[in-house]
C-alpha atoms as a PDB file:
ATOM      1  CA  MET A   1     122.181 -41.171  99.882  1.00  0.00           C
ATOM      2  CA  SER A   2     121.300 -44.477  98.278  1.00  0.00           C
ATOM      3  CA  GLU A   3     122.824 -47.655  99.659  1.00  0.00           C
ATOM      4  CA  ASN A   4     123.871 -48.436  96.087  1.00  0.00           C
ATOM      5  CA  ASP A   5     125.877 -45.243  95.778  1.00  0.00           C
ATOM      6  CA  PRO A   6     129.554 -46.166  95.241  1.00  0.00           C
ATOM      7  CA  ARG A   7     130.565 -43.591  97.828  1.00  0.00           C
ATOM      8  CA  ALA A   8     128.827 -45.584 100.553  1.00  0.00           C
ATOM      9  CA  ASP A   9     131.479 -48.317 100.570  1.00  0.00           C
ATOM     10  CA  GLY A  10     134.341 -46.011 101.489  1.00  0.00           C
ATOM     11  CA  SER A  11     135.691 -45.813  97.914  1.00  0.00           C
ATOM     12  CA  ARG A  12     137.597 -42.727  96.801  1.00  0.00           C
ATOM     13  CA  THR A  13     135.535 -39.703  95.779  1.00  0.00           C
ATOM     14  CA  GLU A  14     136.929 -37.257  93.258  1.00  0.00           C
ATOM     15  CA  THR A  15     134.107 -34.755  93.296  1.00  0.00           C
ATOM     16  CA  GLY A  16     135.101 -32.541  96.215  1.00  0.00           C
ATOM     17  CA  GLU A  17     131.440 -32.513  97.222  1.00  0.00           C
ATOM     18  CA  PRO A  18     130.983 -32.103 100.995  1.00  0.00           C
ATOM     19  CA  ASP A  19     128.356 -34.851 101.215  1.00  0.00           C
ATOM     20  CA  ALA A  20     130.582 -37.286  99.315  1.00  0.00           C
ATOM     21  CA  ILE A  21     133.526 -36.528 101.582  1.00  0.00           C
ATOM     22  CA  TYR A  22     131.470 -37.085 104.718  1.00  0.00           C
ATOM     23  CA  ASP A  23     129.946 -40.314 103.438  1.00  0.00           C
ATOM     24  CA  THR A  24     133.289 -41.810 102.451  1.00  0.00           C
ATOM     25  CA  LEU A  25     134.980 -40.797 105.708  1.00  0.00           C
ATOM     26  CA  ARG A  26     132.120 -42.186 107.783  1.00  0.00           C
ATOM     27  CA  ALA A  27     132.100 -45.473 105.878  1.00  0.00           C
ATOM     28  CA  GLU A  28     135.862 -45.931 106.115  1.00  0.00           C
ATOM     29  CA  ILE A  29     136.057 -45.095 109.828  1.00  0.00           C
ATOM     30  CA  GLY A  30     133.061 -47.367 110.391  1.00  0.00           C
ATOM     31  CA  ARG A  31     135.185 -50.315 109.264  1.00  0.00           C
ATOM     32  CA  VAL A  32     136.890 -50.097 112.668  1.00  0.00           C
ATOM     33  CA  LEU A  33     134.615 -48.195 115.049  1.00  0.00           C
ATOM     34  CA  ILE A  34     130.892 -48.567 115.647  1.00  0.00           C
ATOM     35  CA  GLY A  35     128.407 -45.878 116.620  1.00  0.00           C
ATOM     36  CA  ASN A  36     130.540 -42.757 116.154  1.00  0.00           C
ATOM     37  CA  ASP A  37     128.654 -41.114 113.284  1.00  0.00           C
ATOM     38  CA  ASP A  38     127.932 -37.949 115.316  1.00  0.00           C
ATOM     39  CA  ALA A  39     131.611 -37.491 116.114  1.00  0.00           C
ATOM     40  CA  VAL A  40     132.642 -38.105 112.491  1.00  0.00           C
ATOM     41  CA  GLU A  41     130.065 -35.546 111.386  1.00  0.00           C
ATOM     42  CA  LEU A  42     131.492 -32.905 113.737  1.00  0.00           C
ATOM     43  CA  LEU A  43     135.040 -33.756 112.672  1.00  0.00           C
ATOM     44  CA  THR A  44     134.070 -33.316 109.027  1.00  0.00           C
ATOM     45  CA  ILE A  45     132.291 -30.027 109.715  1.00  0.00           C
ATOM     46  CA  ALA A  46     135.271 -28.728 111.693  1.00  0.00           C
ATOM     47  CA  LEU A  47     137.625 -29.712 108.867  1.00  0.00           C
ATOM     48  CA  LEU A  48     135.455 -27.883 106.310  1.00  0.00           C
ATOM     49  CA  THR A  49     135.110 -24.753 108.440  1.00  0.00           C
ATOM     50  CA  ARG A  50     138.663 -24.291 109.772  1.00  0.00           C
ATOM     51  CA  GLY A  51     137.514 -25.337 113.235  1.00  0.00           C
ATOM     52  CA  HIS A  52     138.829 -27.576 116.008  1.00  0.00           C
ATOM     53  CA  LEU A  53     137.190 -30.276 118.107  1.00  0.00           C
ATOM     54  CA  LEU A  54     137.448 -31.252 121.767  1.00  0.00           C
ATOM     55  CA  LEU A  55     136.525 -34.874 122.465  1.00  0.00           C
ATOM     56  CA  GLU A  56     135.608 -35.765 126.032  1.00  0.00           C
ATOM     57  CA  GLY A  57     135.032 -39.221 127.434  1.00  0.00           C
ATOM     58  CA  VAL A  58     136.136 -41.737 130.012  1.00  0.00           C
ATOM     59  CA  PRO A  59     139.193 -43.900 129.243  1.00  0.00           C
ATOM     60  CA  GLY A  60     138.668 -46.654 126.710  1.00  0.00           C
ATOM     61  CA  VAL A  61     135.939 -45.152 124.503  1.00  0.00           C
ATOM     62  CA  ALA A  62     138.312 -44.757 121.522  1.00  0.00           C
ATOM     63  CA  LYS A  63     138.742 -40.974 121.518  1.00  0.00           C
ATOM     64  CA  THR A  64     142.341 -41.119 120.292  1.00  0.00           C
ATOM     65  CA  THR A  65     141.614 -43.996 117.936  1.00  0.00           C
ATOM     66  CA  LEU A  66     138.817 -41.978 116.336  1.00  0.00           C
ATOM     67  CA  ALA A  67     141.131 -39.001 115.833  1.00  0.00           C
ATOM     68  CA  ASN A  68     143.819 -41.212 114.283  1.00  0.00           C
ATOM     69  CA  LEU A  69     141.311 -42.956 112.020  1.00  0.00           C
ATOM     70  CA  PHE A  70     139.998 -39.612 110.818  1.00  0.00           C
ATOM     71  CA  ALA A  71     143.491 -38.362 110.016  1.00  0.00           C
ATOM     72  CA  ARG A  72     144.405 -41.528 108.134  1.00  0.00           C
ATOM     73  CA  ALA A  73     141.160 -41.724 106.136  1.00  0.00           C
ATOM     74  CA  SER A  74     141.428 -38.051 105.159  1.00  0.00           C
ATOM     75  CA  GLY A  75     144.965 -38.581 103.865  1.00  0.00           C
ATOM     76  CA  LEU A  76     146.342 -35.654 105.862  1.00  0.00           C
ATOM     77  CA  ASP A  77     149.672 -35.421 107.641  1.00  0.00           C
ATOM     78  CA  SER A  78     149.129 -35.932 111.356  1.00  0.00           C
ATOM     79  CA  ASN A  79     151.032 -35.757 114.629  1.00  0.00           C
ATOM     80  CA  ARG A  80     149.973 -36.968 118.054  1.00  0.00           C
ATOM     81  CA  VAL A  81     151.143 -35.213 121.208  1.00  0.00           C
ATOM     82  CA  GLN A  82     150.711 -36.915 124.576  1.00  0.00           C
ATOM     83  CA  MET A  83     150.141 -34.008 126.946  1.00  0.00           C
ATOM     84  CA  THR A  84     151.831 -34.221 130.355  1.00  0.00           C
ATOM     85  CA  PRO A  85     152.530 -31.637 133.083  1.00  0.00           C
ATOM     86  CA  ASP A  86     156.204 -31.418 132.108  1.00  0.00           C
ATOM     87  CA  ILE A  87     155.691 -30.768 128.400  1.00  0.00           C
ATOM     88  CA  LEU A  88     156.837 -27.268 127.377  1.00  0.00           C
ATOM     89  CA  PRO A  89     155.434 -24.815 124.800  1.00  0.00           C
ATOM     90  CA  ALA A  90     158.531 -25.373 122.629  1.00  0.00           C
ATOM     91  CA  ASP A  91     157.719 -29.100 122.606  1.00  0.00           C
ATOM     92  CA  ILE A  92     154.533 -28.148 120.758  1.00  0.00           C
ATOM     93  CA  THR A  93     155.590 -25.299 118.486  1.00  0.00           C
ATOM     94  CA  GLY A  94     159.287 -26.008 117.962  1.00  0.00           C
ATOM     95  CA  THR A  95     162.536 -24.236 118.773  1.00  0.00           C
ATOM     96  CA  GLU A  96     165.961 -23.264 117.466  1.00  0.00           C
ATOM     97  CA  ILE A  97     168.839 -25.662 118.150  1.00  0.00           C
ATOM     98  CA  TYR A  98     172.418 -24.452 118.195  1.00  0.00           C
ATOM     99  CA  ARG A  99     174.738 -26.493 115.985  1.00  0.00           C
ATOM    100  CA  GLU A 100     178.188 -26.116 117.495  1.00  0.00           C
ATOM    101  CA  ASN A 101     180.085 -27.453 114.468  1.00  0.00           C
ATOM    102  CA  GLY A 102     178.584 -24.830 112.167  1.00  0.00           C
ATOM    103  CA  GLU A 103     178.051 -22.201 114.842  1.00  0.00           C
ATOM    104  CA  THR A 104     174.520 -21.687 113.573  1.00  0.00           C
ATOM    105  CA  PHE A 105     170.993 -22.088 114.844  1.00  0.00           C
ATOM    106  CA  GLU A 106     168.818 -24.676 113.131  1.00  0.00           C
ATOM    107  CA  LEU A 107     165.048 -24.423 113.172  1.00  0.00           C
ATOM    108  CA  GLN A 108     163.342 -27.521 114.525  1.00  0.00           C
ATOM    109  CA  ARG A 109     159.611 -27.521 113.880  1.00  0.00           C
ATOM    110  CA  GLY A 110     157.333 -28.974 116.519  1.00  0.00           C
ATOM    111  CA  PRO A 111     154.435 -31.408 116.078  1.00  0.00           C
ATOM    112  CA  VAL A 112     152.007 -28.522 115.543  1.00  0.00           C
ATOM    113  CA  PHE A 113     153.268 -28.407 111.945  1.00  0.00           C
ATOM    114  CA  ALA A 114     150.813 -30.972 110.614  1.00  0.00           C
ATOM    115  CA  ASN A 115     147.380 -30.919 109.024  1.00  0.00           C
ATOM    116  CA  VAL A 116     145.888 -32.875 111.919  1.00  0.00           C
ATOM    117  CA  VAL A 117     147.270 -32.440 115.440  1.00  0.00           C
ATOM    118  CA  VAL A 118     145.947 -34.874 118.046  1.00  0.00           C
ATOM    119  CA  ALA A 119     146.459 -33.386 121.523  1.00  0.00           C
ATOM    120  CA  ASP A 120     145.863 -36.350 123.799  1.00  0.00           C
ATOM    121  CA  GLU A 121     144.660 -35.506 127.322  1.00  0.00           C
ATOM    122  CA  ILE A 122     145.012 -31.769 126.784  1.00  0.00           C
ATOM    123  CA  ASN A 123     143.981 -31.037 130.373  1.00  0.00           C
ATOM    124  CA  ARG A 124     147.176 -32.706 131.638  1.00  0.00           C
ATOM    125  CA  ALA A 125     149.326 -29.942 130.118  1.00  0.00           C
ATOM    126  CA  THR A 126     150.010 -26.779 132.107  1.00  0.00           C
ATOM    127  CA  PRO A 127     148.081 -23.596 131.224  1.00  0.00           C
ATOM    128  CA  LYS A 128     151.219 -22.141 129.595  1.00  0.00           C
ATOM    129  CA  THR A 129     151.538 -25.098 127.234  1.00  0.00           C
ATOM    130  CA  GLN A 130     147.796 -25.137 126.568  1.00  0.00           C
ATOM    131  CA  SER A 131     148.006 -21.466 125.623  1.00  0.00           C
ATOM    132  CA  ALA A 132     150.818 -22.108 123.143  1.00  0.00           C
ATOM    133  CA  LEU A 133     148.720 -24.706 121.343  1.00  0.00           C
ATOM    134  CA  LEU A 134     145.531 -22.695 121.462  1.00  0.00           C
ATOM    135  CA  GLU A 135     147.276 -19.587 120.149  1.00  0.00           C
ATOM    136  CA  ALA A 136     148.422 -21.619 117.151  1.00  0.00           C
ATOM    137  CA  MET A 137     144.840 -22.812 116.696  1.00  0.00           C
ATOM    138  CA  GLN A 138     143.551 -19.252 116.596  1.00  0.00           C
ATOM    139  CA  GLU A 139     146.332 -17.508 114.654  1.00  0.00           C
ATOM    140  CA  ARG A 140     147.294 -20.475 112.425  1.00  0.00           C
ATOM    141  CA  HIS A 141     150.940 -19.535 112.691  1.00  0.00           C
ATOM    142  CA  VAL A 142     153.696 -19.715 115.294  1.00  0.00           C
ATOM    143  CA  THR A 143     156.748 -17.593 115.984  1.00  0.00           C
ATOM    144  CA  ILE A 144     160.091 -19.326 116.566  1.00  0.00           C
ATOM    145  CA  GLY A 145     163.248 -17.305 117.112  1.00  0.00           C
ATOM    146  CA  GLY A 146     161.606 -14.154 115.823  1.00  0.00           C
ATOM    147  CA  GLU A 147     160.418 -15.819 112.616  1.00  0.00           C
ATOM    148  CA  THR A 148     156.689 -16.210 111.983  1.00  0.00           C
ATOM    149  CA  LEU A 149     155.829 -19.499 110.311  1.00  0.00           C
ATOM    150  CA  ALA A 150     152.455 -20.374 108.788  1.00  0.00           C
ATOM    151  CA  LEU A 151     150.854 -23.685 109.714  1.00  0.00           C
ATOM    152  CA  PRO A 152     149.779 -26.138 107.000  1.00  0.00           C
ATOM    153  CA  ARG A 153     146.433 -25.935 105.231  1.00  0.00           C
ATOM    154  CA  PRO A 154     144.091 -27.474 106.188  1.00  0.00           C
ATOM    155  CA  PHE A 155     144.847 -27.408 109.900  1.00  0.00           C
ATOM    156  CA  ILE A 156     142.726 -28.967 112.633  1.00  0.00           C
ATOM    157  CA  VAL A 157     143.413 -29.759 116.277  1.00  0.00           C
ATOM    158  CA  ILE A 158     141.568 -32.721 117.770  1.00  0.00           C
ATOM    159  CA  ALA A 159     142.036 -32.655 121.535  1.00  0.00           C
ATOM    160  CA  THR A 160     140.897 -35.262 124.028  1.00  0.00           C
ATOM    161  CA  GLN A 161     140.256 -35.046 127.734  1.00  0.00           C
ATOM    162  CA  ASN A 162     139.140 -37.333 130.535  1.00  0.00           C
ATOM    163  CA  PRO A 163     136.341 -35.809 132.660  1.00  0.00           C
ATOM    164  CA  ILE A 164     136.692 -38.076 135.702  1.00  0.00           C
ATOM    165  CA  GLU A 165     140.307 -37.585 136.805  1.00  0.00           C
ATOM    166  CA  MET A 166     140.968 -34.620 139.091  1.00  0.00           C
ATOM    167  CA  GLU A 167     144.624 -35.015 140.118  1.00  0.00           C
ATOM    168  CA  GLY A 168     147.364 -33.714 137.843  1.00  0.00           C
ATOM    169  CA  VAL A 169     144.982 -31.974 135.451  1.00  0.00           C
ATOM    170  CA  PHE A 170     144.512 -28.317 134.504  1.00  0.00           C
ATOM    171  CA  GLU A 171     140.995 -27.554 133.337  1.00  0.00           C
ATOM    172  CA  LEU A 172     140.838 -25.440 130.211  1.00  0.00           C
ATOM    173  CA  PRO A 173     139.798 -21.862 131.083  1.00  0.00           C
ATOM    174  CA  GLU A 174     136.693 -20.549 129.338  1.00  0.00           C
ATOM    175  CA  ALA A 175     138.757 -18.263 127.070  1.00  0.00           C
ATOM    176  CA  GLN A 176     140.670 -21.289 125.813  1.00  0.00           C
ATOM    177  CA  ARG A 177     137.621 -23.522 125.475  1.00  0.00           C
ATOM    178  CA  ASP A 178     136.206 -20.824 123.205  1.00  0.00           C
ATOM    179  CA  ARG A 179     138.902 -21.673 120.630  1.00  0.00           C
ATOM    180  CA  PHE A 180     137.283 -25.044 120.055  1.00  0.00           C
ATOM    181  CA  GLN A 181     134.447 -24.849 117.572  1.00  0.00           C
ATOM    182  CA  PHE A 182     132.886 -28.017 118.984  1.00  0.00           C
ATOM    183  CA  LYS A 183     133.003 -30.139 122.081  1.00  0.00           C
ATOM    184  CA  HIS A 184     131.640 -33.652 121.768  1.00  0.00           C
ATOM    185  CA  ARG A 185     131.136 -36.171 124.530  1.00  0.00           C
ATOM    186  CA  ILE A 186     131.789 -39.787 123.560  1.00  0.00           C
ATOM    187  CA  THR A 187     129.698 -42.056 125.742  1.00  0.00           C
ATOM    188  CA  LEU A 188     129.839 -45.758 126.454  1.00  0.00           C
ATOM    189  CA  PRO A 189     128.200 -47.895 123.746  1.00  0.00           C
ATOM    190  CA  ASP A 190     124.905 -49.627 124.333  1.00  0.00           C
ATOM    191  CA  GLU A 191     124.819 -53.405 124.754  1.00  0.00           C
ATOM    192  CA  ASP A 192     124.112 -54.228 121.092  1.00  0.00           C
ATOM    193  CA  ALA A 193     126.828 -51.895 119.800  1.00  0.00           C
ATOM    194  CA  GLU A 194     129.357 -53.293 122.253  1.00  0.00           C
ATOM    195  CA  LEU A 195     128.477 -56.854 121.239  1.00  0.00           C
ATOM    196  CA  ASP A 196     129.021 -55.907 117.574  1.00  0.00           C
ATOM    197  CA  LEU A 197     132.366 -54.429 118.579  1.00  0.00           C
ATOM    198  CA  VAL A 198     133.344 -57.641 120.371  1.00  0.00           C
ATOM    199  CA  ASP A 199     132.422 -59.699 117.296  1.00  0.00           C
ATOM    200  CA  ARG A 200     134.410 -57.418 115.023  1.00  0.00           C
ATOM    201  CA  PHE A 201     137.575 -57.561 117.104  1.00  0.00           C
ATOM    202  CA  ASP A 202     137.146 -61.281 117.715  1.00  0.00           C
ATOM    203  CA  ASP A 203     137.344 -61.751 113.947  1.00  0.00           C
ATOM    204  CA  GLU A 204     140.206 -59.242 113.529  1.00  0.00           C
ATOM    205  CA  PRO A 205     142.132 -58.866 116.816  1.00  0.00           C
ATOM    206  CA  MET A 206     144.683 -56.446 115.318  1.00  0.00           C
ATOM    207  CA  LEU A 207     142.076 -54.117 113.843  1.00  0.00           C
ATOM    208  CA  GLY A 208     143.128 -50.486 114.237  1.00  0.00           C
ATOM    209  CA  PRO A 209     143.912 -47.221 112.402  1.00  0.00           C
ATOM    210  CA  THR A 210     146.193 -49.016 109.921  1.00  0.00           C
ATOM    211  CA  ALA A 211     143.155 -50.969 108.692  1.00  0.00           C
ATOM    212  CA  VAL A 212     141.665 -47.904 107.007  1.00  0.00           C
ATOM    213  CA  GLU A 213     142.798 -46.344 103.762  1.00  0.00           C
ATOM    214  CA  GLN A 214     142.883 -42.806 102.446  1.00  0.00           C
ATOM    215  CA  VAL A 215     139.503 -42.062 100.855  1.00  0.00           C
ATOM    216  CA  VAL A 216     139.789 -38.319 100.158  1.00  0.00           C
ATOM    217  CA  ASP A 217     142.696 -35.994  99.494  1.00  0.00           C
ATOM    218  CA  ARG A 218     143.746 -32.468 100.385  1.00  0.00           C
ATOM    219  CA  GLU A 219     142.520 -30.830  97.182  1.00  0.00           C
ATOM    220  CA  GLU A 220     139.084 -32.406  97.545  1.00  0.00           C
ATOM    221  CA  ILE A 221     138.892 -31.086 101.098  1.00  0.00           C
ATOM    222  CA  LEU A 222     139.821 -27.557 100.032  1.00  0.00           C
ATOM    223  CA  THR A 223     137.263 -27.684  97.215  1.00  0.00           C
ATOM    224  CA  ALA A 224     134.606 -28.901  99.622  1.00  0.00           C
ATOM    225  CA  ARG A 225     135.454 -25.996 101.930  1.00  0.00           C
ATOM    226  CA  GLU A 226     134.662 -23.530  99.177  1.00  0.00           C
ATOM    227  CA  ARG A 227     131.344 -25.234  98.490  1.00  0.00           C
ATOM    228  CA  ALA A 228     130.425 -25.196 102.168  1.00  0.00           C
ATOM    229  CA  ASP A 229     131.305 -21.495 102.314  1.00  0.00           C
ATOM    230  CA  GLY A 230     128.800 -20.874  99.531  1.00  0.00           C
ATOM    231  CA  VAL A 231     125.797 -22.407 101.324  1.00  0.00           C
ATOM    232  CA  HIS A 232     122.912 -19.940 101.588  1.00  0.00           C
ATOM    233  CA  VAL A 233     121.677 -18.988 105.049  1.00  0.00           C
ATOM    234  CA  ALA A 234     118.331 -17.201 104.912  1.00  0.00           C
ATOM    235  CA  ARG A 235     117.732 -14.196 107.145  1.00  0.00           C
ATOM    236  CA  PRO A 236     115.227 -16.028 109.423  1.00  0.00           C
ATOM    237  CA  VAL A 237     117.744 -18.834 109.991  1.00  0.00           C
ATOM    238  CA  LYS A 238     120.446 -16.305 110.854  1.00  0.00           C
ATOM    239  CA  ARG A 239     118.049 -14.601 113.258  1.00  0.00           C
ATOM    240  CA  TYR A 240     117.258 -17.939 114.885  1.00  0.00           C
ATOM    241  CA  LEU A 241     120.964 -18.645 115.335  1.00  0.00           C
ATOM    242  CA  VAL A 242     121.653 -15.201 116.808  1.00  0.00           C
ATOM    243  CA  ASP A 243     118.635 -15.487 119.119  1.00  0.00           C
ATOM    244  CA  LEU A 244     119.895 -18.823 120.492  1.00  0.00           C
ATOM    245  CA  VAL A 245     123.329 -17.366 121.202  1.00  0.00           C
ATOM    246  CA  GLY A 246     121.751 -14.283 122.769  1.00  0.00           C
ATOM    247  CA  ALA A 247     119.523 -16.417 124.958  1.00  0.00           C
ATOM    248  CA  THR A 248     122.582 -18.006 126.570  1.00  0.00           C
ATOM    249  CA  ARG A 249     123.690 -14.535 127.712  1.00  0.00           C
ATOM    250  CA  ALA A 250     120.315 -13.729 129.239  1.00  0.00           C
ATOM    251  CA  HIS A 251     119.723 -17.094 130.942  1.00  0.00           C
ATOM    252  CA  PRO A 252     119.452 -16.738 134.735  1.00  0.00           C
ATOM    253  CA  ASP A 253     121.806 -19.674 135.381  1.00  0.00           C
ATOM    254  CA  VAL A 254     124.571 -18.322 133.131  1.00  0.00           C
ATOM    255  CA  ALA A 255     127.216 -15.884 134.358  1.00  0.00           C
ATOM    256  CA  HIS A 256     128.870 -15.545 130.952  1.00  0.00           C
ATOM    257  CA  GLY A 257     127.160 -16.629 127.756  1.00  0.00           C
ATOM    258  CA  ALA A 258     128.505 -17.473 124.313  1.00  0.00           C
ATOM    259  CA  SER A 259     130.660 -14.880 122.559  1.00  0.00           C
ATOM    260  CA  PRO A 260     130.461 -13.396 119.040  1.00  0.00           C
ATOM    261  CA  ARG A 261     133.242 -15.859 118.141  1.00  0.00           C
ATOM    262  CA  ALA A 262     130.732 -18.595 118.966  1.00  0.00           C
ATOM    263  CA  THR A 263     128.151 -16.937 116.706  1.00  0.00           C
ATOM    264  CA  LEU A 264     130.514 -16.966 113.733  1.00  0.00           C
ATOM    265  CA  ALA A 265     131.647 -20.526 114.448  1.00  0.00           C
ATOM    266  CA  TYR A 266     127.963 -21.463 114.661  1.00  0.00           C
ATOM    267  CA  LEU A 267     127.208 -19.881 111.274  1.00  0.00           C
ATOM    268  CA  ASN A 268     130.072 -21.726 109.607  1.00  0.00           C
ATOM    269  CA  GLY A 269     129.059 -25.002 111.231  1.00  0.00           C
ATOM    270  CA  VAL A 270     125.453 -24.629 110.079  1.00  0.00           C
ATOM    271  CA  LYS A 271     126.566 -24.026 106.492  1.00  0.00           C
ATOM    272  CA  ALA A 272     128.828 -27.089 106.507  1.00  0.00           C
ATOM    273  CA  ARG A 273     126.139 -29.281 108.074  1.00  0.00           C
ATOM    274  CA  ALA A 274     123.769 -28.335 105.277  1.00  0.00           C
ATOM    275  CA  ALA A 275     126.489 -29.006 102.705  1.00  0.00           C
ATOM    276  CA  ILE A 276     127.271 -32.531 103.946  1.00  0.00           C
ATOM    277  CA  ARG A 277     123.573 -33.269 103.604  1.00  0.00           C
ATOM    278  CA  GLY A 278     123.647 -32.253  99.963  1.00  0.00           C
ATOM    279  CA  ARG A 279     121.802 -28.958 100.447  1.00  0.00           C
ATOM    280  CA  GLU A 280     122.807 -25.531  99.165  1.00  0.00           C
ATOM    281  CA  TYR A 281     120.815 -23.805 101.896  1.00  0.00           C
ATOM    282  CA  ALA A 282     120.588 -24.117 105.677  1.00  0.00           C
ATOM    283  CA  ILE A 283     117.436 -24.836 107.654  1.00  0.00           C
ATOM    284  CA  PRO A 284     116.535 -24.372 111.351  1.00  0.00           C
ATOM    285  CA  ASP A 285     117.232 -28.060 112.019  1.00  0.00           C
ATOM    286  CA  ASP A 286     120.897 -27.409 111.179  1.00  0.00           C
ATOM    287  CA  VAL A 287     120.986 -24.702 113.830  1.00  0.00           C
ATOM    288  CA  LYS A 288     119.214 -26.805 116.430  1.00  0.00           C
ATOM    289  CA  ALA A 289     121.326 -29.921 115.806  1.00  0.00           C
ATOM    290  CA  LEU A 290     124.619 -28.111 116.474  1.00  0.00           C
ATOM    291  CA  ALA A 291     123.482 -26.031 119.454  1.00  0.00           C
ATOM    292  CA  GLU A 292     124.810 -28.237 122.245  1.00  0.00           C
ATOM    293  CA  SER A 293     128.144 -29.019 120.576  1.00  0.00           C
ATOM    294  CA  ILE A 294     128.872 -25.357 119.846  1.00  0.00           C
ATOM    295  CA  LEU A 295     127.400 -23.596 122.879  1.00  0.00           C
ATOM    296  CA  ALA A 296     127.583 -25.797 125.985  1.00  0.00           C
ATOM    297  CA  HIS A 297     131.371 -25.770 126.516  1.00  0.00           C
ATOM    298  CA  ARG A 298     131.458 -21.980 126.174  1.00  0.00           C
ATOM    299  CA  LEU A 299     129.023 -21.238 128.986  1.00  0.00           C
ATOM    300  CA  VAL A 300     130.122 -20.191 132.459  1.00  0.00           C
ATOM    301  CA  LEU A 301     127.346 -21.022 134.901  1.00  0.00           C
ATOM    302  CA  THR A 302     126.521 -19.087 138.039  1.00  0.00           C
ATOM    303  CA  THR A 303     127.701 -20.310 141.432  1.00  0.00           C
ATOM    304  CA  ASP A 304     124.158 -21.266 142.391  1.00  0.00           C
ATOM    305  CA  ALA A 305     123.773 -23.315 139.215  1.00  0.00           C
ATOM    306  CA  GLY A 306     127.017 -25.123 139.966  1.00  0.00           C
ATOM    307  CA  LEU A 307     125.920 -25.914 143.514  1.00  0.00           C
ATOM    308  CA  SER A 308     122.673 -27.284 142.102  1.00  0.00           C
ATOM    309  CA  ASP A 309     124.615 -29.614 139.789  1.00  0.00           C
ATOM    310  CA  LEU A 310     123.028 -27.964 136.766  1.00  0.00           C
ATOM    311  CA  ALA A 311     124.891 -28.873 133.571  1.00  0.00           C
ATOM    312  CA  ALA A 312     125.587 -26.548 130.651  1.00  0.00           C
ATOM    313  CA  ASP A 313     123.839 -29.084 128.404  1.00  0.00           C
ATOM    314  CA  ASP A 314     120.652 -28.539 130.422  1.00  0.00           C
ATOM    315  CA  VAL A 315     120.918 -24.791 129.908  1.00  0.00           C
ATOM    316  CA  VAL A 316     121.302 -25.221 126.141  1.00  0.00           C
ATOM    317  CA  ALA A 317     118.262 -27.526 126.066  1.00  0.00           C
ATOM    318  CA  ASP A 318     116.301 -24.863 127.957  1.00  0.00           C
ATOM    319  CA  VAL A 319     117.453 -22.191 125.526  1.00  0.00           C
ATOM    320  CA  ILE A 320     116.342 -24.272 122.535  1.00  0.00           C
ATOM    321  CA  GLU A 321     112.910 -24.678 124.103  1.00  0.00           C
ATOM    322  CA  SER A 322     112.590 -20.954 124.805  1.00  0.00           C
ATOM    323  CA  VAL A 323     113.460 -19.617 121.325  1.00  0.00           C
ATOM    324  CA  ASP A 324     110.854 -19.736 118.566  1.00  0.00           C
ATOM    325  CA  VAL A 325     111.786 -21.678 115.432  1.00  0.00           C
ATOM    326  CA  PRO A 326     111.375 -19.619 112.226  1.00  0.00           C
ATOM    327  CA  GLY A 327     109.163 -20.427 109.215  1.00  0.00           C
ATOM    328  CA  THR A 328     108.895 -23.648 107.316  1.00  0.00           C
ATOM    329  CA  GLU A 329     111.604 -25.426 105.419  1.00  0.00           C
ATOM    330  CA  ALA A 330     109.661 -24.875 102.183  1.00  0.00           C
ATOM    331  CA  ALA A 331     109.640 -21.099 102.686  1.00  0.00           C
ATOM    332  CA  ILE A 332     113.359 -21.035 103.468  1.00  0.00           C
ATOM    333  CA  GLU A 333     114.099 -23.184 100.419  1.00  0.00           C
ATOM    334  CA  GLN A 334     112.060 -20.798  98.267  1.00  0.00           C
ATOM    335  CA  GLU A 335     114.036 -17.810  99.562  1.00  0.00           C
ATOM    336  CA  ALA A 336     117.302 -19.629  98.914  1.00  0.00           C
ATOM    337  CA  ALA A 337     116.201 -20.333  95.327  1.00  0.00           C
ATOM    338  CA  SER A 338     115.424 -16.639  94.805  1.00  0.00           C
ATOM    339  CA  GLY A 339     118.975 -15.701  95.726  1.00  0.00           C
ATOM    340  CA  ASP A 340     117.922 -13.008  98.198  1.00  0.00           C
ATOM    341  CA  GLY A 341     119.740 -12.408 101.457  1.00  0.00           C
ATOM    342  CA  THR A 342     122.834 -14.405 100.580  1.00  0.00           C
ATOM    343  CA  SER A 343     125.043 -14.813 103.587  1.00  0.00           C
ATOM    344  CA  PRO A 344     128.302 -12.869 103.614  1.00  0.00           C
ATOM    345  CA  ALA A 345     131.626 -14.580 103.109  1.00  0.00           C
ATOM    346  CA  GLU A 346     133.796 -15.363 106.085  1.00  0.00           C
END
């Protein structure tokens, strides 16, 4: 996109185009945070593909701030839940409260009834509470007092966790991690980026989520979803994606590889990544770029691999190296233009 494009300054876009939505969100969030383009990209893809994102990083790297900025810039209703060991499932989903004066039960909806739910430090909640949230993520509805209630559209959970604290935390089991389309690790900034951050907050000490404005709206997001759904994925690109997922299951250091749910989440992510780059077709680079974020958190390594301090990221890198990349981009673009092999709808 050209630097002179009006979308590049964070101004409102009315097109509903995926690339315009991503560009405006990135520009607006960039008014506060520096160096988080990869995270904003994954957040945008998850929003366009009905997915959820797990952000991991040490304290102080702006995980929660990023989630709040994204919610505010997207103009969606949001709720933040600070997870603690004593929080109950009903504190997430809601409950029925008895009103003695009217002798009736009144439905009280929990914080999960929002377009964007920020689950801060999700690994501090007990497995029972985690399951209540993750069930809502998967089913997109909750049951309170025998009544099934649909969650808002769009609906995305952005969870954060701290990887260095061991006491008072409950690690997400692999079956629950599988509900997250992406996991992204936010690292410490380099020296230049941190100096820019210091300058920015020196000039505006109170800079925060309230400094950003809404730059897209709900209808634009839903329109962009439809356009992302329509991205063409050629048969060789699908095969490449399936081969990468299959290679995680056959890797000698993996006890349990990625599931078919991961394959479908991968397909949707690849289509949305192509869409936010202004393409109507996916290419192998889309598949390769999302491999770590989609696959690594789903892998269960063998005991020997764990004792050797082998990381799931290393396994994914090995898998990428071992699987042949299909064709050329020109050939895939030509197939997309012919209209053959259109990918099925979700």
